């Protein structure tokens, strides 16, 4: 667990799996051309079938780092810059309550509290 209000950045590594079309190598293309010239008329029918086929897909996994605690702590921001939704979500995160707060107040203080 972490606190979303810690000053230093917290990064989380995430992975994505995407399907990407496979590119044919030059050797494979040359072999196809040789087969086409050997088959003659049958090659024309084969070309139509190949165009209708979907390209081969390969699954590629990419990893990236996402910043988890990008929000500045609510008590370090100006009261005018904070929306009602931000106050409400902060209250729910701290109190573990599911209802909105009854009221709010925002003030700044300096020095020691006695």
N, C-alpha and C. Protein backbone atom coordinates (compact mmCIF):
# COMPACT_ATOMS: atom_id res chain seq x y z
N UNK A 1 0.82 -1.19 0.00
CA UNK A 1 0.00 0.00 0.00
C UNK A 1 0.87 1.25 0.00
N UNK A 2 0.32 2.31 -0.49
CA UNK A 2 1.04 3.57 -0.54
C UNK A 2 0.06 4.70 -0.21
N UNK A 3 0.60 5.83 0.11
CA UNK A 3 -0.22 7.01 0.31
C UNK A 3 -0.12 7.84 -0.95
N UNK A 4 -1.25 8.32 -1.43
CA UNK A 4 -1.21 9.12 -2.65
C UNK A 4 -0.70 10.53 -2.40
N UNK A 5 -0.40 10.86 -1.14
CA UNK A 5 0.06 12.20 -0.81
C UNK A 5 1.54 12.24 -0.43
N UNK A 6 2.31 11.21 -0.71
CA UNK A 6 3.74 11.21 -0.45
C UNK A 6 4.41 12.14 -1.45
N UNK A 7 5.42 12.89 -1.00
CA UNK A 7 6.03 13.91 -1.84
C UNK A 7 6.84 13.35 -3.00
N UNK A 8 7.58 12.24 -2.79
CA UNK A 8 8.39 11.74 -3.89
C UNK A 8 7.51 10.89 -4.81
N UNK A 9 7.86 10.84 -6.09
CA UNK A 9 7.00 10.15 -7.06
C UNK A 9 7.02 8.63 -6.88
N UNK A 10 5.86 8.03 -7.04
CA UNK A 10 5.72 6.58 -6.99
C UNK A 10 5.30 6.13 -8.39
N UNK A 11 6.09 5.23 -8.98
CA UNK A 11 5.80 4.71 -10.31
C UNK A 11 5.40 3.25 -10.22
N UNK A 12 4.49 2.85 -11.10
CA UNK A 12 4.02 1.48 -11.17
C UNK A 12 4.22 1.00 -12.60
N UNK A 13 4.85 -0.16 -12.74
CA UNK A 13 5.10 -0.68 -14.08
C UNK A 13 3.87 -1.45 -14.55
N UNK A 14 3.39 -1.10 -15.73
CA UNK A 14 2.24 -1.77 -16.31
C UNK A 14 2.63 -2.38 -17.65
N UNK A 15 1.91 -3.40 -18.03
CA UNK A 15 2.20 -4.05 -19.31
C UNK A 15 0.94 -4.05 -20.17
N UNK A 16 1.16 -3.91 -21.48
CA UNK A 16 0.08 -3.95 -22.45
C UNK A 16 0.43 -5.01 -23.49
N UNK A 17 -0.58 -5.77 -23.88
CA UNK A 17 -0.39 -6.75 -24.94
C UNK A 17 -1.21 -6.30 -26.14
N UNK A 18 -0.53 -6.08 -27.25
CA UNK A 18 -1.18 -5.61 -28.46
C UNK A 18 -0.92 -6.59 -29.60
N UNK A 19 -1.87 -6.66 -30.51
CA UNK A 19 -1.68 -7.49 -31.70
C UNK A 19 -1.18 -6.61 -32.83
N UNK A 20 -0.05 -7.01 -33.40
CA UNK A 20 0.60 -6.24 -34.45
C UNK A 20 0.77 -7.14 -35.67
N UNK A 21 0.51 -6.64 -36.88
CA UNK A 21 0.73 -7.47 -38.06
C UNK A 21 2.21 -7.80 -38.24
N UNK A 22 2.47 -9.04 -38.63
CA UNK A 22 3.84 -9.50 -38.82
C UNK A 22 4.31 -9.08 -40.21
N UNK A 23 5.49 -8.49 -40.27
CA UNK A 23 6.06 -8.10 -41.55
C UNK A 23 6.83 -9.28 -42.13
N UNK A 24 6.63 -9.50 -43.42
CA UNK A 24 7.33 -10.62 -44.08
C UNK A 24 8.77 -10.21 -44.38
N UNK A 25 9.66 -11.16 -44.25
CA UNK A 25 11.06 -10.88 -44.56
C UNK A 25 11.26 -10.93 -46.08
N UNK A 26 12.39 -10.41 -46.53
CA UNK A 26 12.69 -10.38 -47.96
C UNK A 26 12.84 -11.79 -48.52
N UNK A 27 13.39 -12.70 -47.72
CA UNK A 27 13.56 -14.08 -48.18
C UNK A 27 12.22 -14.73 -48.47
N UNK A 28 11.24 -14.50 -47.62
CA UNK A 28 9.92 -15.09 -47.81
C UNK A 28 9.25 -14.52 -49.06
N UNK A 29 9.45 -13.24 -49.32
CA UNK A 29 8.87 -12.62 -50.51
C UNK A 29 9.50 -13.19 -51.78
N UNK A 30 10.81 -13.42 -51.76
CA UNK A 30 11.49 -13.98 -52.93
C UNK A 30 10.99 -15.40 -53.21
N UNK A 31 10.76 -16.19 -52.16
CA UNK A 31 10.26 -17.56 -52.34
C UNK A 31 8.87 -17.54 -52.95
N UNK A 32 8.03 -16.61 -52.54
CA UNK A 32 6.68 -16.51 -53.11
C UNK A 32 6.74 -16.16 -54.59
N UNK A 33 7.66 -15.26 -54.98
CA UNK A 33 7.79 -14.89 -56.38
C UNK A 33 8.24 -16.08 -57.22
N UNK A 34 9.15 -16.89 -56.66
CA UNK A 34 9.61 -18.09 -57.39
C UNK A 34 8.46 -19.06 -57.59
N UNK A 35 7.64 -19.25 -56.55
CA UNK A 35 6.51 -20.16 -56.66
C UNK A 35 5.51 -19.67 -57.70
N UNK A 36 5.30 -18.36 -57.74
CA UNK A 36 4.35 -17.79 -58.70
C UNK A 36 4.82 -18.01 -60.13
N UNK A 37 6.10 -17.84 -60.38
CA UNK A 37 6.61 -18.02 -61.74
C UNK A 37 6.56 -19.48 -62.15
N UNK A 38 6.74 -20.39 -61.21
CA UNK A 38 6.70 -21.83 -61.52
C UNK A 38 5.28 -22.29 -61.81
N UNK A 39 4.30 -21.73 -61.12
CA UNK A 39 2.92 -22.20 -61.26
C UNK A 39 2.22 -21.59 -62.47
N UNK A 40 2.66 -20.47 -62.94
CA UNK A 40 2.08 -19.87 -64.15
C UNK A 40 0.69 -19.32 -63.92
N UNK A 41 -0.32 -19.89 -64.59
CA UNK A 41 -1.68 -19.38 -64.55
C UNK A 41 -2.32 -19.57 -63.17
N UNK A 42 -1.93 -20.61 -62.47
CA UNK A 42 -2.50 -20.85 -61.15
C UNK A 42 -2.13 -19.73 -60.17
N UNK A 43 -1.09 -19.00 -60.46
CA UNK A 43 -0.64 -17.93 -59.58
C UNK A 43 -1.67 -16.80 -59.51
N UNK A 44 -2.36 -16.54 -60.63
CA UNK A 44 -3.37 -15.48 -60.63
C UNK A 44 -4.49 -15.79 -59.65
N UNK A 45 -4.93 -17.00 -59.62
CA UNK A 45 -5.99 -17.41 -58.69
C UNK A 45 -5.46 -17.33 -57.26
N UNK A 46 -4.22 -17.70 -57.06
CA UNK A 46 -3.62 -17.68 -55.73
C UNK A 46 -3.51 -16.25 -55.20
N UNK A 47 -3.18 -15.28 -56.08
CA UNK A 47 -3.07 -13.88 -55.66
C UNK A 47 -4.39 -13.37 -55.11
N UNK A 48 -5.49 -13.73 -55.75
CA UNK A 48 -6.80 -13.28 -55.27
C UNK A 48 -7.10 -13.84 -53.89
N UNK A 49 -6.73 -15.11 -53.67
CA UNK A 49 -6.95 -15.72 -52.36
C UNK A 49 -6.08 -15.06 -51.29
N UNK A 50 -4.85 -14.73 -51.63
CA UNK A 50 -3.93 -14.13 -50.67
C UNK A 50 -4.38 -12.72 -50.28
N UNK A 51 -4.96 -11.98 -51.23
CA UNK A 51 -5.43 -10.65 -50.90
C UNK A 51 -6.61 -10.71 -49.92
N UNK A 52 -7.41 -11.73 -50.03
CA UNK A 52 -8.58 -11.86 -49.16
C UNK A 52 -8.18 -12.27 -47.74
N UNK A 53 -7.04 -12.92 -47.59
CA UNK A 53 -6.59 -13.36 -46.27
C UNK A 53 -6.16 -12.17 -45.43
N UNK A 54 -6.38 -12.29 -44.13
CA UNK A 54 -5.92 -11.25 -43.21
C UNK A 54 -4.43 -11.46 -42.94
N UNK A 55 -3.71 -10.39 -42.67
CA UNK A 55 -2.28 -10.55 -42.36
C UNK A 55 -2.11 -11.28 -41.02
N UNK A 56 -0.99 -11.97 -40.91
CA UNK A 56 -0.71 -12.69 -39.66
C UNK A 56 -0.49 -11.68 -38.55
N UNK A 57 -1.05 -11.99 -37.38
CA UNK A 57 -0.94 -11.09 -36.23
C UNK A 57 -0.03 -11.73 -35.19
N UNK A 58 0.74 -10.87 -34.55
CA UNK A 58 1.67 -11.30 -33.51
C UNK A 58 1.40 -10.49 -32.25
N UNK A 59 1.38 -11.15 -31.10
CA UNK A 59 1.16 -10.44 -29.84
C UNK A 59 2.48 -9.87 -29.33
N UNK A 60 2.47 -8.56 -29.07
CA UNK A 60 3.66 -7.88 -28.58
C UNK A 60 3.32 -7.27 -27.23
N UNK A 61 4.15 -7.54 -26.24
CA UNK A 61 3.95 -6.99 -24.90
C UNK A 61 4.90 -5.83 -24.70
N UNK A 62 4.32 -4.67 -24.32
CA UNK A 62 5.12 -3.49 -24.03
C UNK A 62 4.94 -3.12 -22.56
N UNK A 63 6.01 -2.61 -21.97
CA UNK A 63 6.00 -2.22 -20.56
C UNK A 63 6.22 -0.72 -20.47
N UNK A 64 5.51 -0.08 -19.55
CA UNK A 64 5.72 1.34 -19.33
C UNK A 64 5.49 1.67 -17.86
N UNK A 65 6.11 2.77 -17.42
CA UNK A 65 6.01 3.22 -16.03
C UNK A 65 4.98 4.32 -15.95
N UNK A 66 4.00 4.18 -15.03
CA UNK A 66 2.96 5.19 -14.82
C UNK A 66 3.13 5.81 -13.45
N UNK A 67 3.01 7.13 -13.39
CA UNK A 67 3.09 7.86 -12.14
C UNK A 67 1.77 7.70 -11.39
N UNK A 68 1.84 7.17 -10.16
CA UNK A 68 0.64 6.87 -9.40
C UNK A 68 0.16 8.07 -8.60
N UNK A 69 1.06 8.81 -7.98
CA UNK A 69 0.67 9.91 -7.10
C UNK A 69 1.00 11.27 -7.72
N UNK A 70 0.32 11.58 -8.80
CA UNK A 70 0.62 12.82 -9.51
C UNK A 70 -0.11 14.02 -8.91
N UNK A 71 -1.14 13.79 -8.10
CA UNK A 71 -1.86 14.91 -7.49
C UNK A 71 -1.11 15.46 -6.29
N UNK A 72 -1.11 16.76 -6.20
CA UNK A 72 -0.50 17.44 -5.06
C UNK A 72 -1.46 17.31 -3.87
N UNK A 73 -0.98 17.16 -2.65
CA UNK A 73 -1.87 17.03 -1.50
C UNK A 73 -2.84 18.21 -1.41
N UNK A 74 -4.06 17.91 -1.04
CA UNK A 74 -5.12 18.91 -1.04
C UNK A 74 -4.84 20.05 -0.06
N UNK A 75 -4.14 19.75 1.02
CA UNK A 75 -3.86 20.78 2.02
C UNK A 75 -2.71 21.69 1.61
N UNK A 76 -2.02 21.38 0.53
CA UNK A 76 -0.94 22.23 0.05
C UNK A 76 -1.38 23.10 -1.13
N UNK A 77 -2.64 23.04 -1.48
CA UNK A 77 -3.16 23.82 -2.60
C UNK A 77 -4.05 24.93 -2.09
N UNK A 78 -4.28 25.91 -2.93
CA UNK A 78 -5.16 27.02 -2.57
C UNK A 78 -6.61 26.54 -2.55
N UNK A 79 -7.38 27.10 -1.64
CA UNK A 79 -8.78 26.71 -1.52
C UNK A 79 -9.60 27.02 -2.75
N UNK A 80 -9.24 28.07 -3.48
CA UNK A 80 -9.97 28.46 -4.68
C UNK A 80 -9.75 27.49 -5.84
N UNK A 81 -8.62 26.78 -5.81
CA UNK A 81 -8.28 25.88 -6.91
C UNK A 81 -8.89 24.49 -6.77
N UNK A 82 -9.51 24.20 -5.63
CA UNK A 82 -10.01 22.85 -5.36
C UNK A 82 -11.51 22.80 -5.61
N UNK A 83 -11.95 21.81 -6.36
CA UNK A 83 -13.37 21.67 -6.68
C UNK A 83 -14.08 20.88 -5.59
N UNK A 84 -15.41 20.91 -5.64
CA UNK A 84 -16.23 20.16 -4.68
C UNK A 84 -15.98 18.66 -4.81
N UNK A 85 -15.78 18.19 -6.03
CA UNK A 85 -15.52 16.76 -6.25
C UNK A 85 -14.21 16.33 -5.61
N UNK A 86 -13.20 17.18 -5.68
CA UNK A 86 -11.91 16.87 -5.06
C UNK A 86 -12.02 16.81 -3.55
N UNK A 87 -12.78 17.76 -2.96
CA UNK A 87 -13.01 17.71 -1.52
C UNK A 87 -13.73 16.42 -1.13
N UNK A 88 -14.75 16.09 -1.89
CA UNK A 88 -15.56 14.91 -1.60
C UNK A 88 -14.73 13.63 -1.72
N UNK A 89 -13.95 13.50 -2.79
CA UNK A 89 -13.13 12.29 -2.97
C UNK A 89 -12.04 12.20 -1.90
N UNK A 90 -11.48 13.35 -1.48
CA UNK A 90 -10.49 13.35 -0.41
C UNK A 90 -11.12 12.87 0.90
N UNK A 91 -12.31 13.37 1.21
CA UNK A 91 -13.01 12.96 2.42
C UNK A 91 -13.29 11.46 2.42
N UNK A 92 -13.75 10.94 1.29
CA UNK A 92 -14.08 9.52 1.19
C UNK A 92 -12.83 8.66 1.31
N UNK A 93 -11.69 9.13 0.77
CA UNK A 93 -10.45 8.37 0.85
C UNK A 93 -9.91 8.32 2.27
N UNK A 94 -10.01 9.43 3.00
CA UNK A 94 -9.48 9.50 4.36
C UNK A 94 -10.40 8.79 5.36
N UNK A 95 -11.71 9.03 5.24
CA UNK A 95 -12.63 8.51 6.25
C UNK A 95 -13.19 7.13 5.93
N UNK A 96 -12.97 6.64 4.72
CA UNK A 96 -13.53 5.35 4.26
C UNK A 96 -15.06 5.38 4.31
N UNK A 97 -15.63 6.56 4.10
CA UNK A 97 -17.07 6.75 4.11
C UNK A 97 -17.56 6.76 2.67
N UNK A 98 -18.80 6.40 2.43
CA UNK A 98 -19.35 6.39 1.09
C UNK A 98 -20.23 7.61 0.80
N UNK A 99 -20.56 8.37 1.83
CA UNK A 99 -21.38 9.57 1.65
C UNK A 99 -20.50 10.81 1.54
N UNK A 100 -21.08 11.85 0.96
CA UNK A 100 -20.36 13.12 0.85
C UNK A 100 -20.25 13.77 2.24
N UNK A 101 -19.25 14.63 2.44
CA UNK A 101 -19.13 15.31 3.74
C UNK A 101 -20.29 16.28 3.96
N UNK A 102 -20.61 16.54 5.23
CA UNK A 102 -21.70 17.46 5.55
C UNK A 102 -21.31 18.90 5.26
N UNK A 103 -20.07 19.26 5.57
CA UNK A 103 -19.57 20.60 5.29
C UNK A 103 -18.05 20.53 5.15
N UNK A 104 -17.46 21.62 4.68
CA UNK A 104 -16.01 21.65 4.51
C UNK A 104 -15.48 23.02 4.93
N UNK A 105 -14.24 23.04 5.29
CA UNK A 105 -13.56 24.30 5.57
C UNK A 105 -12.12 24.15 5.10
N UNK A 106 -11.56 25.23 4.60
CA UNK A 106 -10.19 25.20 4.10
C UNK A 106 -9.45 26.40 4.70
N UNK A 107 -8.39 26.12 5.40
CA UNK A 107 -7.61 27.20 6.00
C UNK A 107 -6.15 26.84 5.93
N UNK A 108 -5.30 27.83 6.11
CA UNK A 108 -3.86 27.58 6.16
C UNK A 108 -3.34 28.14 7.46
N UNK A 109 -2.38 27.44 8.04
CA UNK A 109 -1.81 27.87 9.32
C UNK A 109 -0.30 27.73 9.23
N UNK A 110 0.38 28.57 9.95
CA UNK A 110 1.83 28.50 10.00
C UNK A 110 2.28 28.39 11.45
N UNK A 111 3.42 27.81 11.64
CA UNK A 111 3.97 27.72 12.98
C UNK A 111 3.48 26.48 13.71
N UNK A 112 3.74 26.44 14.99
CA UNK A 112 3.38 25.29 15.79
C UNK A 112 1.99 25.44 16.37
N UNK A 113 1.29 24.36 16.47
CA UNK A 113 -0.02 24.36 17.07
C UNK A 113 0.13 23.87 18.50
N UNK A 114 -0.42 24.60 19.48
CA UNK A 114 -0.29 24.21 20.88
C UNK A 114 -1.56 23.61 21.42
